[in-house]
PDB file of N, CA and C in Angstrom:
ATOM      1  N   MET A   1      17.869 -16.196  -6.873  1.00  0.00           N
ATOM      2  CA  MET A   1      17.916 -15.512  -8.076  1.00  0.00           C
ATOM      3  C   MET A   1      19.209 -15.662  -8.997  1.00  0.00           C
ATOM      4  N   ILE A   2      18.943 -16.196 -10.055  1.00  0.00           N
ATOM      5  CA  ILE A   2      20.043 -16.447 -11.097  1.00  0.00           C
ATOM      6  C   ILE A   2      21.090 -15.371 -11.929  1.00  0.00           C
ATOM      7  N   ASN A   3      22.309 -15.813 -11.849  1.00  0.00           N
ATOM      8  CA  ASN A   3      22.852 -14.513 -11.987  1.00  0.00           C
ATOM      9  C   ASN A   3      23.238 -15.004 -13.512  1.00  0.00           C
ATOM     10  N   GLU A   4      22.674 -14.235 -15.016  1.00  0.00           N
ATOM     11  CA  GLU A   4      22.740 -14.511 -16.245  1.00  0.00           C
ATOM     12  C   GLU A   4      24.286 -15.123 -16.825  1.00  0.00           C
ATOM     13  N   GLU A   5      25.183 -14.412 -16.132  1.00  0.00           N
ATOM     14  CA  GLU A   5      26.460 -14.806 -16.680  1.00  0.00           C
ATOM     15  C   GLU A   5      26.988 -16.185 -16.563  1.00  0.00           C
ATOM     16  N   THR A   6      26.712 -16.528 -15.217  1.00  0.00           N
ATOM     17  CA  THR A   6      27.094 -17.950 -14.760  1.00  0.00           C
ATOM     18  C   THR A   6      26.166 -18.976 -14.803  1.00  0.00           C
ATOM     19  N   GLU A   7      24.960 -18.747 -14.763  1.00  0.00           N
ATOM     20  CA  GLU A   7      23.659 -19.316 -14.508  1.00  0.00           C
ATOM     21  C   GLU A   7      23.633 -20.018 -13.470  1.00  0.00           C
ATOM     22  N   LYS A   8      24.554 -19.271 -11.861  1.00  0.00           N
ATOM     23  CA  LYS A   8      24.552 -20.354 -10.627  1.00  0.00           C
ATOM     24  C   LYS A   8      23.512 -19.683  -9.869  1.00  0.00           C
ATOM     25  N   PRO A   9      22.805 -19.860  -9.233  1.00  0.00           N
ATOM     26  CA  PRO A   9      22.209 -19.266  -8.092  1.00  0.00           C
ATOM     27  C   PRO A   9      23.205 -18.101  -7.575  1.00  0.00           C
ATOM     28  N   LYS A  10      22.445 -16.897  -7.505  1.00  0.00           N
ATOM     29  CA  LYS A  10      23.222 -15.916  -6.503  1.00  0.00           C
ATOM     30  C   LYS A  10      22.093 -15.304  -5.556  1.00  0.00           C
ATOM     31  N   ILE A  11      23.035 -15.706  -4.370  1.00  0.00           N
ATOM     32  CA  ILE A  11      22.202 -15.227  -3.285  1.00  0.00           C
ATOM     33  C   ILE A  11      22.580 -14.321  -2.647  1.00  0.00           C
ATOM     34  N   GLU A  12      21.320 -13.436  -2.218  1.00  0.00           N
ATOM     35  CA  GLU A  12      21.788 -11.792  -1.793  1.00  0.00           C
ATOM     36  C   GLU A  12      21.965 -12.032  -0.114  1.00  0.00           C
ATOM     37  N   LYS A  13      22.209 -11.345  -0.023  1.00  0.00           N
ATOM     38  CA  LYS A  13      22.731 -10.910   1.563  1.00  0.00           C
ATOM     39  C   LYS A  13      21.506 -10.726   2.395  1.00  0.00           C
ATOM     40  N   ASN A  14      21.541 -11.624   3.497  1.00  0.00           N
ATOM     41  CA  ASN A  14      20.427 -11.093   4.627  1.00  0.00           C
ATOM     42  C   ASN A  14      19.387 -12.179   4.005  1.00  0.00           C
ATOM     43  N   GLU A  15      19.606 -12.813   2.748  1.00  0.00           N
ATOM     44  CA  GLU A  15      18.341 -13.762   2.306  1.00  0.00           C
ATOM     45  C   GLU A  15      18.067 -14.908   2.945  1.00  0.00           C
ATOM     46  N   ILE A  16      19.067 -15.408   3.478  1.00  0.00           N
ATOM     47  CA  ILE A  16      18.713 -16.760   4.341  1.00  0.00           C
ATOM     48  C   ILE A  16      19.323 -16.355   5.601  1.00  0.00           C
ATOM     49  N   GLU A  17      18.500 -16.929   6.530  1.00  0.00           N
ATOM     50  CA  GLU A  17      18.993 -16.815   8.053  1.00  0.00           C
ATOM     51  C   GLU A  17      19.329 -18.398   8.517  1.00  0.00           C
ATOM     52  N   TYR A  18      20.608 -18.539   8.422  1.00  0.00           N
ATOM     53  CA  TYR A  18      21.236 -19.460   9.011  1.00  0.00           C
ATOM     54  C   TYR A  18      21.214 -20.259  10.296  1.00  0.00           C
ATOM     55  N   ALA A  19      20.219 -21.165  10.577  1.00  0.00           N
ATOM     56  CA  ALA A  19      20.360 -21.591  11.590  1.00  0.00           C
ATOM     57  C   ALA A  19      21.245 -22.322  12.520  1.00  0.00           C
ATOM     58  N   PHE A  20      22.434 -22.918  11.716  1.00  0.00           N
ATOM     59  CA  PHE A  20      23.633 -23.191  12.106  1.00  0.00           C
ATOM     60  C   PHE A  20      24.774 -22.335  12.045  1.00  0.00           C
ATOM     61  N   ASP A  21      24.686 -21.134  11.892  1.00  0.00           N
ATOM     62  CA  ASP A  21      25.511 -20.172  11.319  1.00  0.00           C
ATOM     63  C   ASP A  21      26.703 -20.736  10.115  1.00  0.00           C
ATOM     64  N   GLU A  22      26.424 -21.425   9.260  1.00  0.00           N
ATOM     65  CA  GLU A  22      26.981 -21.855   7.852  1.00  0.00           C
ATOM     66  C   GLU A  22      27.540 -21.067   7.266  1.00  0.00           C
ATOM     67  N   ASP A  23      27.104 -19.786   7.564  1.00  0.00           N
ATOM     68  CA  ASP A  23      27.655 -18.551   6.495  1.00  0.00           C
ATOM     69  C   ASP A  23      29.383 -18.243   7.165  1.00  0.00           C
ATOM     70  N   LEU A  24      29.100 -18.490   8.185  1.00  0.00           N
ATOM     71  CA  LEU A  24      30.464 -17.912   9.383  1.00  0.00           C
ATOM     72  C   LEU A  24      31.185 -19.321   8.990  1.00  0.00           C
ATOM     73  N   TYR A  25      30.706 -20.176   9.374  1.00  0.00           N
ATOM     74  CA  TYR A  25      31.531 -21.818   8.927  1.00  0.00           C
ATOM     75  C   TYR A  25      32.448 -21.811   7.558  1.00  0.00           C
ATOM     76  N   ILE A  26      31.443 -21.358   6.809  1.00  0.00           N
ATOM     77  CA  ILE A  26      31.803 -21.532   5.425  1.00  0.00           C
ATOM     78  C   ILE A  26      33.113 -20.395   5.395  1.00  0.00           C
ATOM     79  N   GLN A  27      32.952 -19.266   6.081  1.00  0.00           N
ATOM     80  CA  GLN A  27      34.079 -18.441   6.066  1.00  0.00           C
ATOM     81  C   GLN A  27      35.477 -18.991   6.491  1.00  0.00           C
ATOM     82  N   GLU A  28      35.352 -19.254   7.502  1.00  0.00           N
ATOM     83  CA  GLU A  28      36.529 -19.897   8.364  1.00  0.00           C
ATOM     84  C   GLU A  28      36.903 -20.943   7.573  1.00  0.00           C
ATOM     85  N   LEU A  29      36.257 -21.955   6.571  1.00  0.00           N
ATOM     86  CA  LEU A  29      36.575 -22.836   5.796  1.00  0.00           C
ATOM     87  C   LEU A  29      37.434 -22.448   4.743  1.00  0.00           C
ATOM     88  N   LYS A  30      36.953 -21.201   4.059  1.00  0.00           N
ATOM     89  CA  LYS A  30      37.718 -20.612   2.784  1.00  0.00           C
ATOM     90  C   LYS A  30      39.005 -20.014   3.520  1.00  0.00           C
ATOM     91  N   ASN A  31      38.942 -19.696   4.638  1.00  0.00           N
ATOM     92  CA  ASN A  31      40.304 -18.806   5.155  1.00  0.00           C
ATOM     93  C   ASN A  31      41.483 -20.069   5.761  1.00  0.00           C
ATOM     94  N   HIS A  32      40.948 -21.185   6.089  1.00  0.00           N
ATOM     95  CA  HIS A  32      41.418 -22.076   6.081  1.00  0.00           C
ATOM     96  C   HIS A  32      42.179 -22.353   5.099  1.00  0.00           C
ATOM     97  N   ILE A  33      41.577 -22.846   3.944  1.00  0.00           N
ATOM     98  CA  ILE A  33      41.688 -23.090   2.438  1.00  0.00           C
ATOM     99  C   ILE A  33      43.181 -22.021   2.163  1.00  0.00           C
ATOM    100  N   ASP A  34      42.348 -20.721   2.269  1.00  0.00           N
ATOM    101  CA  ASP A  34      43.487 -19.720   1.451  1.00  0.00           C
ATOM    102  C   ASP A  34      44.841 -19.888   2.038  1.00  0.00           C
ATOM    103  N   SER A  35      44.521 -20.496   3.459  1.00  0.00           N
ATOM    104  CA  SER A  35      46.061 -20.444   4.338  1.00  0.00           C
ATOM    105  C   SER A  35      47.091 -21.301   3.483  1.00  0.00           C
ATOM    106  N   THR A  36      46.224 -22.441   3.345  1.00  0.00           N
ATOM    107  CA  THR A  36      46.918 -23.440   2.725  1.00  0.00           C
ATOM    108  C   THR A  36      48.022 -23.060   1.565  1.00  0.00           C
ATOM    109  N   TYR A  37      47.533 -22.204   0.380  1.00  0.00           N
ATOM    110  CA  TYR A  37      48.249 -21.901  -0.641  1.00  0.00           C
ATOM    111  C   TYR A  37      49.275 -21.257  -0.115  1.00  0.00           C
ATOM    112  N   THR A  38      49.431 -20.521   0.761  1.00  0.00           N
ATOM    113  CA  THR A  38      50.592 -19.840   1.308  1.00  0.00           C
ATOM    114  C   THR A  38      51.666 -20.539   2.213  1.00  0.00           C
ATOM    115  N   ALA A  39      51.205 -21.647   2.954  1.00  0.00           N
ATOM    116  CA  ALA A  39      51.585 -22.875   3.537  1.00  0.00           C
ATOM    117  C   ALA A  39      53.044 -23.266   2.951  1.00  0.00           C
ATOM    118  N   HIS A  40      53.570 -24.475   4.476  1.00  0.00           N
ATOM    119  CA  HIS A  40      54.491 -25.133   3.617  1.00  0.00           C
ATOM    120  C   HIS A  40      54.421 -26.042   2.796  1.00  0.00           C
ATOM    121  N   TYR A  41      52.804 -26.382   2.958  1.00  0.00           N
ATOM    122  CA  TYR A  41      52.414 -27.598   1.662  1.00  0.00           C
ATOM    123  C   TYR A  41      52.274 -27.125   0.762  1.00  0.00           C
ATOM    124  N   ALA A  42      52.662 -25.798   0.221  1.00  0.00           N
ATOM    125  CA  ALA A  42      52.479 -24.743  -1.317  1.00  0.00           C
ATOM    126  C   ALA A  42      53.653 -24.355  -1.626  1.00  0.00           C
ATOM    127  N   GLN A  43      54.880 -25.251  -1.679  1.00  0.00           N
ATOM    128  CA  GLN A  43      55.978 -25.156  -1.864  1.00  0.00           C
ATOM    129  C   GLN A  43      56.260 -24.545  -3.375  1.00  0.00           C
ATOM    130  N   ASN A  44      56.615 -23.769  -4.099  1.00  0.00           N
ATOM    131  CA  ASN A  44      56.630 -23.465  -5.204  1.00  0.00           C
ATOM    132  C   ASN A  44      55.598 -23.606  -6.015  1.00  0.00           C
ATOM    133  N   ARG A  45      54.602 -23.148  -5.269  1.00  0.00           N
ATOM    134  CA  ARG A  45      53.262 -22.626  -6.024  1.00  0.00           C
ATOM    135  C   ARG A  45      52.090 -23.954  -6.384  1.00  0.00           C
ATOM    136  N   VAL A  46      52.864 -25.140  -5.918  1.00  0.00           N
ATOM    137  CA  VAL A  46      51.901 -26.070  -6.078  1.00  0.00           C
ATOM    138  C   VAL A  46      51.627 -27.043  -4.929  1.00  0.00           C
ATOM    139  N   GLN A  47      50.240 -27.554  -4.774  1.00  0.00           N
ATOM    140  CA  GLN A  47      50.448 -28.377  -3.663  1.00  0.00           C
ATOM    141  C   GLN A  47      50.712 -29.797  -3.744  1.00  0.00           C
ATOM    142  N   SER A  48      51.166 -30.672  -2.796  1.00  0.00           N
ATOM    143  CA  SER A  48      51.511 -32.253  -3.255  1.00  0.00           C
ATOM    144  C   SER A  48      49.820 -32.849  -3.238  1.00  0.00           C
ATOM    145  N   THR A  49      49.299 -32.412  -2.657  1.00  0.00           N
ATOM    146  CA  THR A  49      47.529 -32.984  -3.225  1.00  0.00           C
ATOM    147  C   THR A  49      47.673 -33.019  -4.994  1.00  0.00           C
ATOM    148  N   GLU A  50      47.734 -31.855  -5.372  1.00  0.00           N
ATOM    149  CA  GLU A  50      47.741 -31.704  -7.001  1.00  0.00           C
ATOM    150  C   GLU A  50      48.525 -32.991  -7.534  1.00  0.00           C
ATOM    151  N   PHE A  51      49.655 -33.072  -7.411  1.00  0.00           N
ATOM    152  CA  PHE A  51      50.379 -34.066  -7.927  1.00  0.00           C
ATOM    153  C   PHE A  51      50.036 -35.164  -7.429  1.00  0.00           C
ATOM    154  N   ILE A  52      49.492 -35.642  -6.188  1.00  0.00           N
ATOM    155  CA  ILE A  52      48.729 -36.928  -6.193  1.00  0.00           C
ATOM    156  C   ILE A  52      47.435 -37.185  -6.856  1.00  0.00           C
ATOM    157  N   ALA A  53      46.486 -36.245  -7.063  1.00  0.00           N
ATOM    158  CA  ALA A  53      45.312 -36.400  -8.056  1.00  0.00           C
ATOM    159  C   ALA A  53      46.175 -36.386  -9.475  1.00  0.00           C
ATOM    160  N   ASP A  54      46.714 -35.716  -9.771  1.00  0.00           N
ATOM    161  CA  ASP A  54      47.160 -35.832 -11.242  1.00  0.00           C
ATOM    162  C   ASP A  54      47.688 -37.034 -11.378  1.00  0.00           C
ATOM    163  N   ALA A  55      48.253 -37.918 -10.986  1.00  0.00           N
ATOM    164  CA  ALA A  55      48.794 -39.255 -10.622  1.00  0.00           C
ATOM    165  C   ALA A  55      47.466 -40.195 -10.767  1.00  0.00           C
ATOM    166  N   GLY A  56      46.434 -39.753 -10.488  1.00  0.00           N
ATOM    167  CA  GLY A  56      45.406 -40.634 -10.430  1.00  0.00           C
ATOM    168  C   GLY A  56      45.152 -41.005  -9.090  1.00  0.00           C
ATOM    169  N   HIS A  57      45.739 -41.103  -7.675  1.00  0.00           N
ATOM    170  CA  HIS A  57      45.345 -41.227  -6.436  1.00  0.00           C
ATOM    171  C   HIS A  57      44.654 -39.911  -5.773  1.00  0.00           C
ATOM    172  N   GLY A  58      43.897 -39.564  -6.404  1.00  0.00           N
ATOM    173  CA  GLY A  58      43.454 -38.612  -5.766  1.00  0.00           C
ATOM    174  C   GLY A  58      41.995 -38.724  -4.864  1.00  0.00           C
ATOM    175  N   GLU A  59      40.940 -39.396  -5.352  1.00  0.00           N
ATOM    176  CA  GLU A  59      40.470 -39.880  -4.713  1.00  0.00           C
ATOM    177  C   GLU A  59      40.710 -41.076  -3.131  1.00  0.00           C
ATOM    178  N   GLY A  60      41.557 -42.058  -3.408  1.00  0.00           N
ATOM    179  CA  GLY A  60      42.073 -42.787  -2.316  1.00  0.00           C
ATOM    180  C   GLY A  60      42.784 -41.885  -0.947  1.00  0.00           C
ATOM    181  N   PHE A  61      43.518 -40.692  -1.382  1.00  0.00           N
ATOM    182  CA  PHE A  61      44.433 -39.758  -0.634  1.00  0.00           C
ATOM    183  C   PHE A  61      43.212 -38.845  -0.148  1.00  0.00           C
ATOM    184  N   CYS A  62      42.312 -38.261  -0.828  1.00  0.00           N
ATOM    185  CA  CYS A  62      41.217 -37.945  -0.365  1.00  0.00           C
ATOM    186  C   CYS A  62      40.103 -38.601   0.972  1.00  0.00           C
ATOM    187  N   ILE A  63      39.673 -39.416   0.563  1.00  0.00           N
ATOM    188  CA  ILE A  63      39.013 -40.345   1.303  1.00  0.00           C
ATOM    189  C   ILE A  63      39.894 -40.907   2.620  1.00  0.00           C
ATOM    190  N   GLY A  64      41.091 -41.244   2.030  1.00  0.00           N
ATOM    191  CA  GLY A  64      41.932 -41.796   3.539  1.00  0.00           C
ATOM    192  C   GLY A  64      42.168 -40.607   4.585  1.00  0.00           C
ATOM    193  N   ASN A  65      42.399 -39.240   4.410  1.00  0.00           N
ATOM    194  CA  ASN A  65      42.396 -38.201   4.653  1.00  0.00           C
ATOM    195  C   ASN A  65      41.376 -37.631   5.717  1.00  0.00           C
ATOM    196  N   ILE A  66      40.382 -37.736   5.033  1.00  0.00           N
ATOM    197  CA  ILE A  66      38.828 -37.773   5.610  1.00  0.00           C
ATOM    198  C   ILE A  66      38.880 -38.806   6.674  1.00  0.00           C
ATOM    199  N   ILE A  67      39.020 -39.959   6.645  1.00  0.00           N
ATOM    200  CA  ILE A  67      39.060 -40.889   7.530  1.00  0.00           C
ATOM    201  C   ILE A  67      40.134 -40.315   9.037  1.00  0.00           C
ATOM    202  N   LYS A  68      41.197 -40.276   8.169  1.00  0.00           N
ATOM    203  CA  LYS A  68      42.384 -40.194   9.238  1.00  0.00           C
ATOM    204  C   LYS A  68      42.132 -38.812  10.286  1.00  0.00           C
ATOM    205  N   TYR A  69      41.359 -37.774   9.766  1.00  0.00           N
ATOM    206  CA  TYR A  69      41.048 -36.717  10.651  1.00  0.00           C
ATOM    207  C   TYR A  69      39.972 -37.031  11.321  1.00  0.00           C
ATOM    208  N   ALA A  70      38.684 -37.744  10.925  1.00  0.00           N
ATOM    209  CA  ALA A  70      37.510 -37.909  11.499  1.00  0.00           C
ATOM    210  C   ALA A  70      38.346 -38.760  12.772  1.00  0.00           C
ATOM    211  N   GLN A  71      39.019 -39.907  12.684  1.00  0.00           N
ATOM    212  CA  GLN A  71      39.288 -40.904  13.646  1.00  0.00           C
ATOM    213  C   GLN A  71      40.026 -40.124  14.578  1.00  0.00           C
ATOM    214  N   ARG A  72      41.070 -38.849  14.693  1.00  0.00           N
ATOM    215  CA  ARG A  72      41.852 -38.042  15.182  1.00  0.00           C
ATOM    216  C   ARG A  72      40.911 -37.303  16.281  1.00  0.00           C
ATOM    217  N   TYR A  73      39.979 -37.066  15.602  1.00  0.00           N
ATOM    218  CA  TYR A  73      39.258 -35.643  16.475  1.00  0.00           C
ATOM    219  C   TYR A  73      38.934 -36.320  17.352  1.00  0.00           C
ATOM    220  N   GLY A  74      39.319 -35.814  18.476  1.00  0.00           N
ATOM    221  CA  GLY A  74      38.725 -36.169  20.123  1.00  0.00           C
ATOM    222  C   GLY A  74      39.699 -36.579  20.596  1.00  0.00           C
ATOM    223  N   LYS A  75      41.045 -37.096  19.868  1.00  0.00           N
ATOM    224  CA  LYS A  75      42.173 -38.068  20.750  1.00  0.00           C
ATOM    225  C   LYS A  75      43.396 -37.201  20.414  1.00  0.00           C
ATOM    226  N   LYS A  76      43.521 -36.658  19.636  1.00  0.00           N
ATOM    227  CA  LYS A  76      45.052 -36.169  19.286  1.00  0.00           C
ATOM    228  C   LYS A  76      44.234 -34.552  19.629  1.00  0.00           C
ATOM    229  N   ALA A  77      44.892 -33.713  20.502  1.00  0.00           N
ATOM    230  CA  ALA A  77      44.822 -32.480  21.272  1.00  0.00           C
ATOM    231  C   ALA A  77      43.323 -32.116  21.283  1.00  0.00           C
ATOM    232  N   GLY A  78      42.831 -33.534  21.799  1.00  0.00           N
ATOM    233  CA  GLY A  78      41.214 -33.329  22.317  1.00  0.00           C
ATOM    234  C   GLY A  78      40.323 -33.051  21.196  1.00  0.00           C
ATOM    235  N   ARG A  79      39.245 -32.209  21.603  1.00  0.00           N
ATOM    236  CA  ARG A  79      38.482 -31.813  20.017  1.00  0.00           C
ATOM    237  C   ARG A  79      38.678 -31.028  19.522  1.00  0.00           C
ATOM    238  N   ASN A  80      39.762 -30.970  18.572  1.00  0.00           N
ATOM    239  CA  ASN A  80      40.547 -30.160  18.106  1.00  0.00           C
ATOM    240  C   ASN A  80      39.956 -29.790  16.769  1.00  0.00           C
ATOM    241  N   ARG A  81      39.011 -28.478  16.476  1.00  0.00           N
ATOM    242  CA  ARG A  81      38.334 -28.275  15.583  1.00  0.00           C
ATOM    243  C   ARG A  81      39.134 -27.789  13.972  1.00  0.00           C
ATOM    244  N   LYS A  82      40.753 -27.923  14.327  1.00  0.00           N
ATOM    245  CA  LYS A  82      41.313 -27.894  13.534  1.00  0.00           C
ATOM    246  C   LYS A  82      41.197 -29.121  12.321  1.00  0.00           C
ATOM    247  N   ASP A  83      41.137 -30.441  12.897  1.00  0.00           N
ATOM    248  CA  ASP A  83      40.627 -31.686  12.544  1.00  0.00           C
ATOM    249  C   ASP A  83      38.883 -31.560  11.534  1.00  0.00           C
ATOM    250  N   LEU A  84      38.429 -30.813  12.392  1.00  0.00           N
ATOM    251  CA  LEU A  84      37.234 -30.959  11.221  1.00  0.00           C
ATOM    252  C   LEU A  84      37.196 -30.092   9.909  1.00  0.00           C
ATOM    253  N   THR A  85      37.842 -28.573  10.383  1.00  0.00           N
ATOM    254  CA  THR A  85      38.308 -27.815   8.919  1.00  0.00           C
ATOM    255  C   THR A  85      38.845 -28.933   7.989  1.00  0.00           C
ATOM    256  N   LYS A  86      40.316 -29.508   8.371  1.00  0.00           N
ATOM    257  CA  LYS A  86      40.645 -30.571   7.550  1.00  0.00           C
ATOM    258  C   LYS A  86      39.853 -31.563   6.712  1.00  0.00           C
ATOM    259  N   ILE A  87      38.861 -32.095   7.678  1.00  0.00           N
ATOM    260  CA  ILE A  87      38.191 -33.145   7.093  1.00  0.00           C
ATOM    261  C   ILE A  87      36.900 -32.273   5.738  1.00  0.00           C
ATOM    262  N   ALA A  88      36.702 -31.156   6.224  1.00  0.00           N
ATOM    263  CA  ALA A  88      35.983 -30.166   4.912  1.00  0.00           C
ATOM    264  C   ALA A  88      36.685 -30.238   3.858  1.00  0.00           C
ATOM    265  N   HIS A  89      37.796 -29.470   4.218  1.00  0.00           N
ATOM    266  CA  HIS A  89      38.638 -28.991   2.580  1.00  0.00           C
ATOM    267  C   HIS A  89      38.936 -30.455   2.008  1.00  0.00           C
ATOM    268  N   TYR A  90      39.476 -31.644   2.576  1.00  0.00           N
ATOM    269  CA  TYR A  90      39.642 -32.502   1.887  1.00  0.00           C
ATOM    270  C   TYR A  90      38.028 -32.918   1.097  1.00  0.00           C
ATOM    271  N   VAL A  91      37.011 -32.735   1.643  1.00  0.00           N
ATOM    272  CA  VAL A  91      35.482 -33.241   1.675  1.00  0.00           C
ATOM    273  C   VAL A  91      35.520 -32.469  -0.037  1.00  0.00           C
ATOM    274  N   ILE A  92      36.064 -30.968   0.121  1.00  0.00           N
ATOM    275  CA  ILE A  92      35.522 -30.079  -1.089  1.00  0.00           C
ATOM    276  C   ILE A  92      36.855 -30.398  -2.139  1.00  0.00           C
ATOM    277  N   ILE A  93      38.053 -30.796  -1.621  1.00  0.00           N
ATOM    278  CA  ILE A  93      38.849 -31.284  -2.735  1.00  0.00           C
ATOM    279  C   ILE A  93      38.512 -32.134  -3.586  1.00  0.00           C
ATOM    280  N   MET A  94      37.611 -33.409  -2.778  1.00  0.00           N
ATOM    281  CA  MET A  94      37.056 -34.796  -3.397  1.00  0.00           C
ATOM    282  C   MET A  94      35.956 -34.509  -4.337  1.00  0.00           C
ATOM    283  N   LEU A  95      35.137 -33.544  -3.825  1.00  0.00           N
ATOM    284  CA  LEU A  95      34.011 -33.017  -4.900  1.00  0.00           C
ATOM    285  C   LEU A  95      34.800 -32.398  -6.434  1.00  0.00           C
ATOM    286  N   PHE A  96      36.191 -31.819  -5.827  1.00  0.00           N
ATOM    287  CA  PHE A  96      36.793 -31.234  -7.242  1.00  0.00           C
ATOM    288  C   PHE A  96      36.891 -32.446  -8.336  1.00  0.00           C
ATOM    289  N   ILE A  97      37.846 -33.666  -7.189  1.00  0.00           N
ATOM    290  CA  ILE A  97      37.850 -34.948  -8.092  1.00  0.00           C
ATOM    291  C   ILE A  97      36.868 -35.336  -8.756  1.00  0.00           C
ATOM    292  N   HIS A  98      35.902 -35.501  -8.183  1.00  0.00           N
ATOM    293  CA  HIS A  98      34.715 -36.253  -8.502  1.00  0.00           C
ATOM    294  C   HIS A  98      34.438 -35.683  -9.710  1.00  0.00           C
ATOM    295  N   ASP A  99      33.788 -33.983  -9.907  1.00  0.00           N
ATOM    296  CA  ASP A  99      33.654 -33.608 -11.067  1.00  0.00           C
ATOM    297  C   ASP A  99      34.179 -33.573 -12.245  1.00  0.00           C
ATOM    298  N   ASN A 100      35.688 -33.364 -11.677  1.00  0.00           N
ATOM    299  CA  ASN A 100      36.651 -33.031 -13.194  1.00  0.00           C
ATOM    300  C   ASN A 100      37.767 -34.508 -13.254  1.00  0.00           C
ATOM    301  N   LEU A 101      37.857 -35.082 -12.323  1.00  0.00           N
ATOM    302  CA  LEU A 101      38.647 -36.454 -12.725  1.00  0.00           C
ATOM    303  C   LEU A 101      38.212 -37.377 -12.915  1.00  0.00           C
ATOM    304  N   ILE A 102      36.905 -38.232 -11.996  1.00  0.00           N
ATOM    305  CA  ILE A 102      36.580 -39.005 -12.057  1.00  0.00           C
ATOM    306  C   ILE A 102      35.503 -39.320 -13.221  1.00  0.00           C
ATOM    307  N   GLY A 103      34.614 -38.179 -13.635  1.00  0.00           N
ATOM    308  CA  GLY A 103      34.021 -38.197 -14.640  1.00  0.00           C
ATOM    309  C   GLY A 103      32.472 -38.790 -14.162  1.00  0.00           C
ATOM    310  N   ASP A 104      32.003 -38.839 -12.751  1.00  0.00           N
ATOM    311  CA  ASP A 104      30.835 -39.750 -12.544  1.00  0.00           C
ATOM    312  C   ASP A 104      29.631 -39.285 -13.663  1.00  0.00           C
ATOM    313  N   SER A 105      28.916 -40.109 -14.302  1.00  0.00           N
ATOM    314  CA  SER A 105      27.561 -39.395 -14.453  1.00  0.00           C
ATOM    315  C   SER A 105      26.401 -39.005 -13.576  1.00  0.00           C
ATOM    316  N   ASN A 106      27.071 -38.781 -12.582  1.00  0.00           N
ATOM    317  CA  ASN A 106      25.752 -38.655 -11.697  1.00  0.00           C
ATOM    318  C   ASN A 106      26.204 -37.482 -10.616  1.00  0.00           C
ATOM    319  N   GLU A 107      27.193 -36.487 -11.349  1.00  0.00           N
ATOM    320  CA  GLU A 107      27.851 -35.314 -10.601  1.00  0.00           C
ATOM    321  C   GLU A 107      26.782 -33.957 -11.067  1.00  0.00           C
ATOM    322  N   ILE A 108      26.582 -33.205  -9.828  1.00  0.00           N
ATOM    323  CA  ILE A 108      25.897 -32.355 -10.135  1.00  0.00           C
ATOM    324  C   ILE A 108      26.703 -30.720 -10.267  1.00  0.00           C
ATOM    325  N   LYS A 109      26.401 -30.122 -11.138  1.00  0.00           N
ATOM    326  CA  LYS A 109      27.229 -28.916 -11.490  1.00  0.00           C
ATOM    327  C   LYS A 109      26.170 -27.579 -12.029  1.00  0.00           C
TER     328      LYS A 109
END
């Protein structure tokens, strides 16, 4: 179903039966992201990642953090779910950087 105002697909509740509980994990990820806006890395309401991206280093910063947390998973604190959540968060930030700062002609909106 398309929402006329935004022209984005609108999914009705219970329309999709997720095989891998994606809806639950997306909500968990949203909760994690929301917490970063009130955590210590959001001092003065601006996250350091914003400064890094504005300085033109966002792509390398995000890719570096994705690699860091992927390599750390299973080593530091065992199979730490927080590492996976951080990877997903940096992927979302990277999508934003891709769409808004890099301006790749292959972007999907």
